[in-house]
Amino acid sequence: MNDRFTKTPPPPYYAVIFTNQLSDNDVGYAQMGQKMFELALEQPGCYGAETTRDEHGIGITVSYWKDEQSLKAWKEQTDHLAAQKSGMERWYDHYELRVAKVERAYSGPAGRTL
């Protein structure tokens, strides 16, 4: 298995999907993004995260959480609140955040049957 994929337990668990469009003023964003990524992984109940960004500034980060309490605690974490504020004020032209309960999960292609 590729070590860039998050190892999650059997469902159920939660996924937070954060899709964003960076503004032209992205000074400091990369450093803050890396700091928040690392901080999220240290939070109780966080299983991991996967992130990508294209050449047009569209980014998607999916983080995986044990339960709603864990992801709510992350949302209210002090440094994360400051980063959210900076993102809304200067780094993002637009964003969408979705929270989903994972009911089923598959990996492959080895061993996968249809």
N, C-alpha and C. Protein backbone atom coordinates (compact mmCIF):
# COMPACT_ATOMS: atom_id res chain seq x y z
N MET A 1 0.84 -1.19 0.00
CA MET A 1 0.00 0.00 0.00
C MET A 1 0.88 1.24 0.00
N ASN A 2 0.47 2.26 -0.70
CA ASN A 2 1.18 3.53 -0.78
C ASN A 2 1.08 4.25 0.57
N ASP A 3 2.21 4.73 1.10
CA ASP A 3 2.19 5.37 2.42
C ASP A 3 1.58 6.78 2.37
N ARG A 4 1.19 7.25 1.20
CA ARG A 4 0.50 8.55 1.11
C ARG A 4 -0.99 8.41 1.33
N PHE A 5 -1.48 7.17 1.40
CA PHE A 5 -2.88 6.92 1.69
C PHE A 5 -3.05 6.70 3.18
N THR A 6 -4.11 7.25 3.74
CA THR A 6 -4.39 7.08 5.16
C THR A 6 -4.87 5.67 5.44
N LYS A 7 -4.31 5.07 6.46
CA LYS A 7 -4.77 3.75 6.92
C LYS A 7 -5.91 4.00 7.91
N THR A 8 -7.10 3.60 7.53
CA THR A 8 -8.26 3.79 8.38
C THR A 8 -8.74 2.45 8.92
N PRO A 9 -9.45 2.48 10.04
CA PRO A 9 -10.01 1.24 10.58
C PRO A 9 -11.27 0.88 9.78
N PRO A 10 -11.86 -0.26 10.07
CA PRO A 10 -13.14 -0.57 9.43
C PRO A 10 -14.17 0.50 9.79
N PRO A 11 -15.07 0.84 8.85
CA PRO A 11 -16.12 1.82 9.15
C PRO A 11 -17.02 1.33 10.27
N PRO A 12 -17.72 2.26 10.90
CA PRO A 12 -17.90 3.66 10.54
C PRO A 12 -16.83 4.57 11.16
N TYR A 13 -16.58 5.66 10.45
CA TYR A 13 -15.76 6.78 10.91
C TYR A 13 -16.16 7.98 10.08
N TYR A 14 -15.57 9.11 10.31
CA TYR A 14 -15.97 10.34 9.63
C TYR A 14 -14.87 10.85 8.70
N ALA A 15 -15.30 11.50 7.63
CA ALA A 15 -14.39 12.16 6.70
C ALA A 15 -14.80 13.62 6.61
N VAL A 16 -13.81 14.51 6.70
CA VAL A 16 -14.04 15.93 6.48
C VAL A 16 -13.36 16.26 5.16
N ILE A 17 -14.15 16.74 4.20
CA ILE A 17 -13.66 17.04 2.87
C ILE A 17 -13.64 18.56 2.71
N PHE A 18 -12.44 19.10 2.55
CA PHE A 18 -12.26 20.55 2.43
C PHE A 18 -11.71 20.86 1.05
N THR A 19 -12.53 21.50 0.24
CA THR A 19 -12.14 21.88 -1.12
C THR A 19 -12.05 23.40 -1.16
N ASN A 20 -10.97 23.92 -1.73
CA ASN A 20 -10.80 25.37 -1.73
C ASN A 20 -10.11 25.86 -2.98
N GLN A 21 -10.37 27.13 -3.28
CA GLN A 21 -9.71 27.85 -4.36
C GLN A 21 -8.86 28.93 -3.72
N LEU A 22 -7.54 28.83 -3.90
CA LEU A 22 -6.65 29.85 -3.35
C LEU A 22 -6.83 31.17 -4.08
N SER A 23 -6.70 32.25 -3.33
CA SER A 23 -6.69 33.58 -3.94
C SER A 23 -5.30 33.84 -4.50
N ASP A 24 -5.15 34.97 -5.18
CA ASP A 24 -3.84 35.34 -5.70
C ASP A 24 -2.89 35.72 -4.57
N ASN A 25 -3.45 36.12 -3.42
CA ASN A 25 -2.64 36.48 -2.25
C ASN A 25 -2.45 35.25 -1.36
N ASP A 26 -1.50 34.40 -1.74
CA ASP A 26 -1.29 33.18 -0.96
C ASP A 26 -0.02 33.22 -0.13
N VAL A 27 0.50 34.41 0.12
CA VAL A 27 1.72 34.56 0.93
C VAL A 27 1.48 33.99 2.33
N GLY A 28 2.31 33.06 2.72
CA GLY A 28 2.20 32.44 4.04
C GLY A 28 1.29 31.23 4.09
N TYR A 29 0.54 30.99 3.00
CA TYR A 29 -0.41 29.89 3.02
C TYR A 29 0.26 28.53 3.12
N ALA A 30 1.30 28.30 2.35
CA ALA A 30 1.95 26.98 2.33
C ALA A 30 2.46 26.60 3.71
N GLN A 31 3.06 27.55 4.40
CA GLN A 31 3.60 27.28 5.74
C GLN A 31 2.47 26.98 6.73
N MET A 32 1.41 27.80 6.67
CA MET A 32 0.28 27.57 7.58
C MET A 32 -0.41 26.26 7.25
N GLY A 33 -0.57 25.97 5.96
CA GLY A 33 -1.20 24.71 5.56
C GLY A 33 -0.44 23.50 6.07
N GLN A 34 0.88 23.53 5.96
CA GLN A 34 1.70 22.42 6.44
C GLN A 34 1.59 22.29 7.96
N LYS A 35 1.61 23.42 8.65
CA LYS A 35 1.48 23.41 10.11
C LYS A 35 0.14 22.82 10.54
N MET A 36 -0.94 23.20 9.86
CA MET A 36 -2.27 22.70 10.20
C MET A 36 -2.40 21.21 9.88
N PHE A 37 -1.80 20.79 8.76
CA PHE A 37 -1.81 19.38 8.39
C PHE A 37 -1.15 18.55 9.49
N GLU A 38 0.02 18.98 9.92
CA GLU A 38 0.75 18.27 10.97
C GLU A 38 0.01 18.31 12.30
N LEU A 39 -0.57 19.46 12.63
CA LEU A 39 -1.31 19.61 13.89
C LEU A 39 -2.54 18.72 13.90
N ALA A 40 -3.24 18.63 12.78
CA ALA A 40 -4.43 17.77 12.71
C ALA A 40 -4.06 16.33 13.01
N LEU A 41 -2.93 15.88 12.46
CA LEU A 41 -2.52 14.49 12.67
C LEU A 41 -2.19 14.18 14.11
N GLU A 42 -1.91 15.21 14.91
CA GLU A 42 -1.61 15.02 16.33
C GLU A 42 -2.86 14.98 17.20
N GLN A 43 -4.01 15.31 16.64
CA GLN A 43 -5.23 15.42 17.43
C GLN A 43 -5.80 14.05 17.78
N PRO A 44 -6.31 13.91 19.00
CA PRO A 44 -6.97 12.65 19.37
C PRO A 44 -8.12 12.34 18.41
N GLY A 45 -8.16 11.12 17.95
CA GLY A 45 -9.24 10.69 17.07
C GLY A 45 -8.98 10.92 15.59
N CYS A 46 -7.85 11.54 15.22
CA CYS A 46 -7.54 11.74 13.81
C CYS A 46 -6.77 10.53 13.30
N TYR A 47 -7.31 9.89 12.26
CA TYR A 47 -6.65 8.73 11.66
C TYR A 47 -5.63 9.12 10.61
N GLY A 48 -5.78 10.31 10.03
CA GLY A 48 -4.86 10.76 8.99
C GLY A 48 -5.56 11.67 8.02
N ALA A 49 -4.81 12.06 6.98
CA ALA A 49 -5.37 12.98 5.98
C ALA A 49 -4.62 12.79 4.66
N GLU A 50 -5.30 13.18 3.60
CA GLU A 50 -4.72 13.16 2.25
C GLU A 50 -5.02 14.52 1.62
N THR A 51 -4.04 15.06 0.91
CA THR A 51 -4.23 16.39 0.35
C THR A 51 -3.58 16.50 -1.02
N THR A 52 -4.16 17.35 -1.87
CA THR A 52 -3.61 17.60 -3.19
C THR A 52 -4.01 19.00 -3.63
N ARG A 53 -3.23 19.58 -4.54
CA ARG A 53 -3.55 20.89 -5.10
C ARG A 53 -3.13 20.88 -6.57
N ASP A 54 -3.99 21.45 -7.43
CA ASP A 54 -3.64 21.49 -8.85
C ASP A 54 -2.98 22.81 -9.23
N GLU A 55 -2.61 22.92 -10.49
CA GLU A 55 -1.88 24.10 -10.97
C GLU A 55 -2.74 25.35 -11.02
N HIS A 56 -4.06 25.21 -10.84
CA HIS A 56 -4.97 26.36 -10.86
C HIS A 56 -5.34 26.82 -9.45
N GLY A 57 -4.73 26.21 -8.42
CA GLY A 57 -4.99 26.62 -7.05
C GLY A 57 -6.14 25.93 -6.36
N ILE A 58 -6.75 24.94 -7.02
CA ILE A 58 -7.82 24.17 -6.38
C ILE A 58 -7.17 23.10 -5.51
N GLY A 59 -7.54 23.07 -4.25
CA GLY A 59 -7.00 22.08 -3.32
C GLY A 59 -8.11 21.27 -2.69
N ILE A 60 -7.80 20.02 -2.40
CA ILE A 60 -8.73 19.14 -1.69
C ILE A 60 -7.95 18.43 -0.60
N THR A 61 -8.46 18.54 0.62
CA THR A 61 -7.89 17.80 1.75
C THR A 61 -9.02 17.00 2.38
N VAL A 62 -8.77 15.73 2.59
CA VAL A 62 -9.72 14.86 3.27
C VAL A 62 -9.05 14.36 4.53
N SER A 63 -9.67 14.64 5.68
CA SER A 63 -9.16 14.11 6.94
C SER A 63 -10.17 13.11 7.49
N TYR A 64 -9.66 12.14 8.22
CA TYR A 64 -10.47 11.02 8.70
C TYR A 64 -10.46 11.01 10.23
N TRP A 65 -11.66 10.85 10.81
CA TRP A 65 -11.83 11.02 12.25
C TRP A 65 -12.63 9.88 12.85
N LYS A 66 -12.28 9.54 14.08
CA LYS A 66 -12.91 8.45 14.81
C LYS A 66 -14.40 8.70 15.03
N ASP A 67 -14.74 9.94 15.43
CA ASP A 67 -16.12 10.25 15.78
C ASP A 67 -16.37 11.75 15.67
N GLU A 68 -17.62 12.13 15.82
CA GLU A 68 -17.97 13.54 15.70
C GLU A 68 -17.31 14.39 16.78
N GLN A 69 -17.15 13.86 17.98
CA GLN A 69 -16.51 14.62 19.06
C GLN A 69 -15.08 14.99 18.68
N SER A 70 -14.36 14.08 18.05
CA SER A 70 -12.98 14.34 17.64
C SER A 70 -12.91 15.44 16.60
N LEU A 71 -13.78 15.36 15.60
CA LEU A 71 -13.70 16.38 14.56
C LEU A 71 -14.21 17.72 15.05
N LYS A 72 -15.16 17.74 15.98
CA LYS A 72 -15.62 19.01 16.56
C LYS A 72 -14.51 19.64 17.40
N ALA A 73 -13.76 18.82 18.12
CA ALA A 73 -12.64 19.35 18.91
C ALA A 73 -11.59 19.96 18.00
N TRP A 74 -11.34 19.34 16.85
CA TRP A 74 -10.38 19.89 15.89
C TRP A 74 -10.88 21.23 15.34
N LYS A 75 -12.16 21.31 15.04
CA LYS A 75 -12.73 22.56 14.52
C LYS A 75 -12.52 23.71 15.50
N GLU A 76 -12.54 23.41 16.79
CA GLU A 76 -12.42 24.44 17.82
C GLU A 76 -11.01 24.59 18.38
N GLN A 77 -10.04 23.85 17.85
CA GLN A 77 -8.66 23.95 18.33
C GLN A 77 -8.14 25.37 18.06
N THR A 78 -7.49 25.98 19.03
CA THR A 78 -7.11 27.39 18.99
C THR A 78 -6.30 27.78 17.75
N ASP A 79 -5.23 27.07 17.45
CA ASP A 79 -4.41 27.40 16.29
C ASP A 79 -5.19 27.19 14.99
N HIS A 80 -6.04 26.18 14.98
CA HIS A 80 -6.86 25.91 13.81
C HIS A 80 -7.87 27.04 13.59
N LEU A 81 -8.46 27.56 14.68
CA LEU A 81 -9.39 28.69 14.56
C LEU A 81 -8.70 29.90 13.93
N ALA A 82 -7.46 30.16 14.34
CA ALA A 82 -6.71 31.29 13.77
C ALA A 82 -6.44 31.06 12.29
N ALA A 83 -6.10 29.84 11.91
CA ALA A 83 -5.84 29.53 10.50
C ALA A 83 -7.13 29.66 9.68
N GLN A 84 -8.25 29.21 10.24
CA GLN A 84 -9.53 29.35 9.55
C GLN A 84 -9.83 30.82 9.27
N LYS A 85 -9.60 31.66 10.26
CA LYS A 85 -9.85 33.10 10.11
C LYS A 85 -8.98 33.68 9.00
N SER A 86 -7.70 33.34 9.00
CA SER A 86 -6.80 33.83 7.94
C SER A 86 -7.24 33.34 6.57
N GLY A 87 -7.66 32.09 6.50
CA GLY A 87 -8.12 31.55 5.23
C GLY A 87 -9.31 32.31 4.70
N MET A 88 -10.28 32.58 5.56
CA MET A 88 -11.49 33.30 5.13
C MET A 88 -11.18 34.74 4.75
N GLU A 89 -10.25 35.36 5.46
CA GLU A 89 -9.96 36.78 5.22
C GLU A 89 -9.05 37.03 4.03
N ARG A 90 -8.12 36.09 3.74
CA ARG A 90 -7.17 36.43 2.69
C ARG A 90 -6.74 35.31 1.75
N TRP A 91 -6.80 34.06 2.15
CA TRP A 91 -6.23 33.01 1.32
C TRP A 91 -7.19 32.34 0.36
N TYR A 92 -8.47 32.31 0.68
CA TYR A 92 -9.41 31.57 -0.15
C TYR A 92 -10.35 32.50 -0.90
N ASP A 93 -10.47 32.27 -2.21
CA ASP A 93 -11.52 32.93 -2.99
C ASP A 93 -12.86 32.26 -2.70
N HIS A 94 -12.80 30.94 -2.45
CA HIS A 94 -14.01 30.18 -2.14
C HIS A 94 -13.59 28.86 -1.51
N TYR A 95 -14.46 28.31 -0.68
CA TYR A 95 -14.22 26.96 -0.17
C TYR A 95 -15.54 26.26 0.10
N GLU A 96 -15.46 24.95 0.15
CA GLU A 96 -16.59 24.09 0.52
C GLU A 96 -16.06 23.11 1.56
N LEU A 97 -16.81 22.90 2.63
CA LEU A 97 -16.44 21.93 3.64
C LEU A 97 -17.61 20.98 3.82
N ARG A 98 -17.30 19.71 3.74
CA ARG A 98 -18.34 18.69 3.87
C ARG A 98 -17.90 17.66 4.90
N VAL A 99 -18.84 17.23 5.71
CA VAL A 99 -18.57 16.19 6.71
C VAL A 99 -19.43 14.99 6.35
N ALA A 100 -18.79 13.83 6.27
CA ALA A 100 -19.51 12.62 5.87
C ALA A 100 -19.19 11.48 6.82
N LYS A 101 -20.17 10.65 7.06
CA LYS A 101 -19.95 9.43 7.82
C LYS A 101 -19.64 8.32 6.82
N VAL A 102 -18.50 7.70 6.97
CA VAL A 102 -18.09 6.62 6.07
C VAL A 102 -18.75 5.33 6.54
N GLU A 103 -19.55 4.76 5.68
CA GLU A 103 -20.28 3.53 5.99
C GLU A 103 -19.58 2.30 5.40
N ARG A 104 -18.93 2.49 4.23
CA ARG A 104 -18.22 1.43 3.55
C ARG A 104 -16.92 1.99 3.02
N ALA A 105 -15.90 1.14 2.94
CA ALA A 105 -14.61 1.56 2.39
C ALA A 105 -13.97 0.35 1.70
N TYR A 106 -13.33 0.62 0.57
CA TYR A 106 -12.67 -0.43 -0.20
C TYR A 106 -11.28 0.06 -0.58
N SER A 107 -10.39 -0.85 -0.83
CA SER A 107 -9.08 -0.50 -1.40
C SER A 107 -8.75 -1.51 -2.47
N GLY A 108 -7.78 -1.21 -3.27
CA GLY A 108 -7.48 -2.14 -4.35
C GLY A 108 -6.34 -1.61 -5.21
N PRO A 109 -6.11 -2.21 -6.32
CA PRO A 109 -6.98 -3.17 -6.99
C PRO A 109 -6.78 -4.62 -6.52
N ALA A 110 -5.67 -4.92 -5.86
CA ALA A 110 -5.42 -6.31 -5.47
C ALA A 110 -6.51 -6.84 -4.54
N GLY A 111 -7.04 -8.00 -4.88
CA GLY A 111 -8.01 -8.66 -4.01
C GLY A 111 -9.41 -8.11 -4.12
N ARG A 112 -9.64 -7.12 -4.94
CA ARG A 112 -10.97 -6.53 -5.05
C ARG A 112 -11.79 -7.33 -6.04
N THR A 113 -12.99 -7.70 -5.64
CA THR A 113 -13.92 -8.36 -6.55
C THR A 113 -15.13 -7.48 -6.71
N LEU A 114 -15.72 -7.53 -7.86
CA LEU A 114 -16.90 -6.70 -8.13
C LEU A 114 -18.17 -7.39 -7.72
